[in-house]
Amino acid sequence: MADYRLPEELMEALKSKFPGMEVSERQDVTLPLDDLVPFMTEIKENPDYAMDFLTNLTCVDYPDYFEMVYNLVSFSHGYTLMVKTRIEDKENPEIPSLIPLWSGADWQEREVYDLLGIVFTGCPGHPTRIFLEENFKGHPLRKDFQWEGGREP
């Protein structure tokens, strides 16, 4: 079976550059929010990592925080990497946009905004809804969302 994880020496180099980084047994990386853009820039632009494709991003709503999850691939090396970071402010959740690094993040960030209310800063045109009408109140995938109305019988 193929191993798509980064070699240990590359992971150690990242740990020394980003000391707040935590690595799980499965090699998922969890970062402080302030390290997200520098870390993502490093793994995309450094040819040792060459994470040139953002396959997807999503968000998870936990009781005390949101967790952003990014899945990346290096086509040239065959590596894959899952990167996570927490957004502690549930009242005004904001995170830097990664569209400047991966333009494919555009629609995915808009989806996360529409359904969970995460505001992606630093990108023109954000936040805008893509599924729900502009006057829709709330974000339906949040755990605290209260549905009002419903379908007519």
C-alpha atoms as a PDB file:
ATOM      1  CA  MET A   1       0.000   0.000   0.000  1.00  0.00           C
ATOM      2  CA  ALA A   2       1.322   3.429  -0.944  1.00  0.00           C
ATOM      3  CA  ASP A   3       2.244   5.900   1.772  1.00  0.00           C
ATOM      4  CA  TYR A   4       1.100   9.406   0.909  1.00  0.00           C
ATOM      5  CA  ARG A   5       2.375  11.029   4.105  1.00  0.00           C
ATOM      6  CA  LEU A   6       5.184  13.545   4.209  1.00  0.00           C
ATOM      7  CA  PRO A   7       8.576  12.032   5.076  1.00  0.00           C
ATOM      8  CA  GLU A   8       9.505  12.475   8.729  1.00  0.00           C
ATOM      9  CA  GLU A   9      12.392  14.873   7.971  1.00  0.00           C
ATOM     10  CA  LEU A  10       9.993  17.235   6.145  1.00  0.00           C
ATOM     11  CA  MET A  11       7.505  17.068   9.000  1.00  0.00           C
ATOM     12  CA  GLU A  12      10.288  17.819  11.488  1.00  0.00           C
ATOM     13  CA  ALA A  13      11.362  20.830   9.412  1.00  0.00           C
ATOM     14  CA  LEU A  14       7.803  22.150   9.584  1.00  0.00           C
ATOM     15  CA  LYS A  15       7.658  21.566  13.348  1.00  0.00           C
ATOM     16  CA  SER A  16      10.845  23.587  13.846  1.00  0.00           C
ATOM     17  CA  LYS A  17       9.511  26.444  11.721  1.00  0.00           C
ATOM     18  CA  PHE A  18       6.025  26.360  13.301  1.00  0.00           C
ATOM     19  CA  PRO A  19       6.503  25.350  16.959  1.00  0.00           C
ATOM     20  CA  GLY A  20       2.772  25.691  17.744  1.00  0.00           C
ATOM     21  CA  MET A  21       1.979  22.947  15.252  1.00  0.00           C
ATOM     22  CA  GLU A  22       0.609  19.647  16.542  1.00  0.00           C
ATOM     23  CA  VAL A  23       0.764  16.442  14.515  1.00  0.00           C
ATOM     24  CA  SER A  24      -1.534  13.482  15.084  1.00  0.00           C
ATOM     25  CA  GLU A  25      -0.598   9.844  14.679  1.00  0.00           C
ATOM     26  CA  ARG A  26      -2.235   9.946  11.219  1.00  0.00           C
ATOM     27  CA  GLN A  27      -0.120  13.024  10.406  1.00  0.00           C
ATOM     28  CA  ASP A  28      -3.013  15.496  10.508  1.00  0.00           C
ATOM     29  CA  VAL A  29      -1.640  18.935  11.345  1.00  0.00           C
ATOM     30  CA  THR A  30      -3.347  21.315  13.782  1.00  0.00           C
ATOM     31  CA  LEU A  31      -2.136  24.911  13.845  1.00  0.00           C
ATOM     32  CA  PRO A  32      -2.836  28.079  15.799  1.00  0.00           C
ATOM     33  CA  LEU A  33      -4.974  30.379  13.647  1.00  0.00           C
ATOM     34  CA  ASP A  34      -2.175  32.963  13.417  1.00  0.00           C
ATOM     35  CA  ASP A  35       0.097  30.393  11.747  1.00  0.00           C
ATOM     36  CA  LEU A  36      -2.402  29.354   9.069  1.00  0.00           C
ATOM     37  CA  VAL A  37      -1.378  31.655   6.201  1.00  0.00           C
ATOM     38  CA  PRO A  38       2.405  31.417   6.778  1.00  0.00           C
ATOM     39  CA  PHE A  39       2.143  27.617   7.079  1.00  0.00           C
ATOM     40  CA  MET A  40      -0.003  27.246   3.982  1.00  0.00           C
ATOM     41  CA  THR A  41       2.312  29.562   2.035  1.00  0.00           C
ATOM     42  CA  GLU A  42       5.308  27.448   3.089  1.00  0.00           C
ATOM     43  CA  ILE A  43       3.800  24.126   2.069  1.00  0.00           C
ATOM     44  CA  LYS A  44       2.593  25.495  -1.254  1.00  0.00           C
ATOM     45  CA  GLU A  45       5.627  27.529  -2.345  1.00  0.00           C
ATOM     46  CA  ASN A  46       8.470  25.411  -0.921  1.00  0.00           C
ATOM     47  CA  PRO A  47       9.351  22.830  -3.603  1.00  0.00           C
ATOM     48  CA  ASP A  48      10.107  20.237  -0.901  1.00  0.00           C
ATOM     49  CA  TYR A  49       6.366  20.119  -0.127  1.00  0.00           C
ATOM     50  CA  ALA A  50       4.762  21.559  -3.299  1.00  0.00           C
ATOM     51  CA  MET A  51       1.189  21.260  -2.018  1.00  0.00           C
ATOM     52  CA  ASP A  52      -0.204  22.601  -5.258  1.00  0.00           C
ATOM     53  CA  PHE A  53      -3.817  21.457  -4.984  1.00  0.00           C
ATOM     54  CA  LEU A  54      -6.438  22.225  -2.337  1.00  0.00           C
ATOM     55  CA  THR A  55      -8.846  19.325  -2.776  1.00  0.00           C
ATOM     56  CA  ASN A  56     -11.418  20.653  -0.338  1.00  0.00           C
ATOM     57  CA  LEU A  57     -12.048  22.697   2.747  1.00  0.00           C
ATOM     58  CA  THR A  58     -14.809  22.431   5.273  1.00  0.00           C
ATOM     59  CA  CYS A  59     -15.754  23.537   8.763  1.00  0.00           C
ATOM     60  CA  VAL A  60     -16.981  21.686  11.845  1.00  0.00           C
ATOM     61  CA  ASP A  61     -19.112  23.338  14.531  1.00  0.00           C
ATOM     62  CA  TYR A  62     -18.098  22.219  18.024  1.00  0.00           C
ATOM     63  CA  PRO A  63     -19.757  23.541  21.196  1.00  0.00           C
ATOM     64  CA  ASP A  64     -16.941  26.019  22.002  1.00  0.00           C
ATOM     65  CA  TYR A  65     -15.255  26.680  18.648  1.00  0.00           C
ATOM     66  CA  PHE A  66     -15.284  26.113  14.908  1.00  0.00           C
ATOM     67  CA  GLU A  67     -12.615  23.977  13.272  1.00  0.00           C
ATOM     68  CA  MET A  68     -11.552  24.637   9.691  1.00  0.00           C
ATOM     69  CA  VAL A  69     -10.247  21.592   7.838  1.00  0.00           C
ATOM     70  CA  TYR A  70      -8.161  21.760   4.655  1.00  0.00           C
ATOM     71  CA  ASN A  71      -7.112  18.775   2.526  1.00  0.00           C
ATOM     72  CA  LEU A  72      -4.104  19.264   0.261  1.00  0.00           C
ATOM     73  CA  VAL A  73      -2.233  17.264  -2.355  1.00  0.00           C
ATOM     74  CA  SER A  74       1.211  17.532  -3.907  1.00  0.00           C
ATOM     75  CA  PHE A  75       0.952  16.089  -7.397  1.00  0.00           C
ATOM     76  CA  SER A  76       4.702  16.212  -7.926  1.00  0.00           C
ATOM     77  CA  HIS A  77       5.533  14.277  -4.719  1.00  0.00           C
ATOM     78  CA  GLY A  78       2.329  12.320  -4.149  1.00  0.00           C
ATOM     79  CA  TYR A  79       1.911  13.675  -0.607  1.00  0.00           C
ATOM     80  CA  THR A  80      -1.423  14.430   1.019  1.00  0.00           C
ATOM     81  CA  LEU A  81      -1.947  16.520   4.125  1.00  0.00           C
ATOM     82  CA  MET A  82      -4.901  17.476   6.312  1.00  0.00           C
ATOM     83  CA  VAL A  83      -4.508  20.836   8.062  1.00  0.00           C
ATOM     84  CA  LYS A  84      -6.827  22.019  10.851  1.00  0.00           C
ATOM     85  CA  THR A  85      -7.170  25.238  12.792  1.00  0.00           C
ATOM     86  CA  ARG A  86      -9.628  26.514  15.384  1.00  0.00           C
ATOM     87  CA  ILE A  87     -11.732  29.638  15.294  1.00  0.00           C
ATOM     88  CA  GLU A  88     -12.442  30.387  18.950  1.00  0.00           C
ATOM     89  CA  ASP A  89     -14.800  33.367  18.462  1.00  0.00           C
ATOM     90  CA  LYS A  90     -18.189  31.783  17.793  1.00  0.00           C
ATOM     91  CA  GLU A  91     -19.984  35.140  17.799  1.00  0.00           C
ATOM     92  CA  ASN A  92     -17.871  36.704  15.009  1.00  0.00           C
ATOM     93  CA  PRO A  93     -15.945  33.863  13.364  1.00  0.00           C
ATOM     94  CA  GLU A  94     -13.274  35.075  10.944  1.00  0.00           C
ATOM     95  CA  ILE A  95     -10.372  33.408   9.209  1.00  0.00           C
ATOM     96  CA  PRO A  96      -8.032  34.556   6.427  1.00  0.00           C
ATOM     97  CA  SER A  97      -9.055  33.547   2.935  1.00  0.00           C
ATOM     98  CA  LEU A  98      -6.760  31.122   1.124  1.00  0.00           C
ATOM     99  CA  ILE A  99      -7.911  32.213  -2.335  1.00  0.00           C
ATOM    100  CA  PRO A 100      -4.619  34.094  -2.899  1.00  0.00           C
ATOM    101  CA  LEU A 101      -2.855  30.710  -2.620  1.00  0.00           C
ATOM    102  CA  TRP A 102      -5.448  28.389  -4.188  1.00  0.00           C
ATOM    103  CA  SER A 103      -8.099  30.011  -6.352  1.00  0.00           C
ATOM    104  CA  GLY A 104     -10.177  26.836  -6.002  1.00  0.00           C
ATOM    105  CA  ALA A 105     -10.919  27.867  -2.416  1.00  0.00           C
ATOM    106  CA  ASP A 106     -13.323  30.539  -3.681  1.00  0.00           C
ATOM    107  CA  TRP A 107     -16.569  28.579  -3.948  1.00  0.00           C
ATOM    108  CA  GLN A 108     -15.713  26.367  -1.001  1.00  0.00           C
ATOM    109  CA  GLU A 109     -15.158  29.368   1.274  1.00  0.00           C
ATOM    110  CA  ARG A 110     -18.438  30.865   0.063  1.00  0.00           C
ATOM    111  CA  GLU A 111     -20.218  27.598   0.886  1.00  0.00           C
ATOM    112  CA  VAL A 112     -18.763  27.569   4.405  1.00  0.00           C
ATOM    113  CA  TYR A 113     -19.837  31.194   4.868  1.00  0.00           C
ATOM    114  CA  ASP A 114     -23.341  30.492   3.587  1.00  0.00           C
ATOM    115  CA  LEU A 115     -23.972  27.439   5.731  1.00  0.00           C
ATOM    116  CA  LEU A 116     -21.875  28.164   8.864  1.00  0.00           C
ATOM    117  CA  GLY A 117     -21.290  31.929   8.854  1.00  0.00           C
ATOM    118  CA  ILE A 118     -17.483  31.886   8.812  1.00  0.00           C
ATOM    119  CA  VAL A 119     -16.202  35.160   7.312  1.00  0.00           C
ATOM    120  CA  PHE A 120     -13.104  34.783   5.142  1.00  0.00           C
ATOM    121  CA  THR A 121     -11.088  37.989   5.364  1.00  0.00           C
ATOM    122  CA  GLY A 122      -8.830  39.437   2.709  1.00  0.00           C
ATOM    123  CA  CYS A 123     -10.834  38.372  -0.298  1.00  0.00           C
ATOM    124  CA  PRO A 124     -12.859  40.851  -2.370  1.00  0.00           C
ATOM    125  CA  GLY A 125     -16.527  39.993  -2.546  1.00  0.00           C
ATOM    126  CA  HIS A 126     -16.718  37.970   0.648  1.00  0.00           C
ATOM    127  CA  PRO A 127     -19.005  37.222   2.334  1.00  0.00           C
ATOM    128  CA  THR A 128     -21.716  36.347  -0.174  1.00  0.00           C
ATOM    129  CA  ARG A 129     -24.248  33.561  -0.187  1.00  0.00           C
ATOM    130  CA  ILE A 130     -24.263  30.967  -2.966  1.00  0.00           C
ATOM    131  CA  PHE A 131     -27.085  28.628  -1.879  1.00  0.00           C
ATOM    132  CA  LEU A 132     -29.454  30.674   0.227  1.00  0.00           C
ATOM    133  CA  GLU A 133     -31.144  33.974  -0.537  1.00  0.00           C
ATOM    134  CA  GLU A 134     -29.337  37.102   0.669  1.00  0.00           C
ATOM    135  CA  ASN A 135     -32.159  37.877   3.121  1.00  0.00           C
ATOM    136  CA  PHE A 136     -32.039  34.392   4.708  1.00  0.00           C
ATOM    137  CA  LYS A 137     -31.547  34.737   8.461  1.00  0.00           C
ATOM    138  CA  GLY A 138     -28.810  32.620   9.987  1.00  0.00           C
ATOM    139  CA  HIS A 139     -26.582  29.780   8.880  1.00  0.00           C
ATOM    140  CA  PRO A 140     -28.356  26.395   8.826  1.00  0.00           C
ATOM    141  CA  LEU A 141     -25.416  24.082   9.605  1.00  0.00           C
ATOM    142  CA  ARG A 142     -24.649  25.783  12.911  1.00  0.00           C
ATOM    143  CA  LYS A 143     -25.625  23.785  15.938  1.00  0.00           C
ATOM    144  CA  ASP A 144     -27.466  26.809  17.390  1.00  0.00           C
ATOM    145  CA  PHE A 145     -29.551  27.402  14.227  1.00  0.00           C
ATOM    146  CA  GLN A 146     -33.285  27.435  14.955  1.00  0.00           C
ATOM    147  CA  TRP A 147     -35.467  26.601  11.975  1.00  0.00           C
ATOM    148  CA  GLU A 148     -38.560  28.784  11.747  1.00  0.00           C
ATOM    149  CA  GLY A 149     -41.332  27.914   9.361  1.00  0.00           C
ATOM    150  CA  GLY A 150     -41.209  24.773   7.359  1.00  0.00           C
ATOM    151  CA  ARG A 151     -42.961  23.101   4.519  1.00  0.00           C
ATOM    152  CA  GLU A 152     -46.626  23.583   3.947  1.00  0.00           C
ATOM    153  CA  PRO A 153     -48.659  20.345   4.392  1.00  0.00           C
END
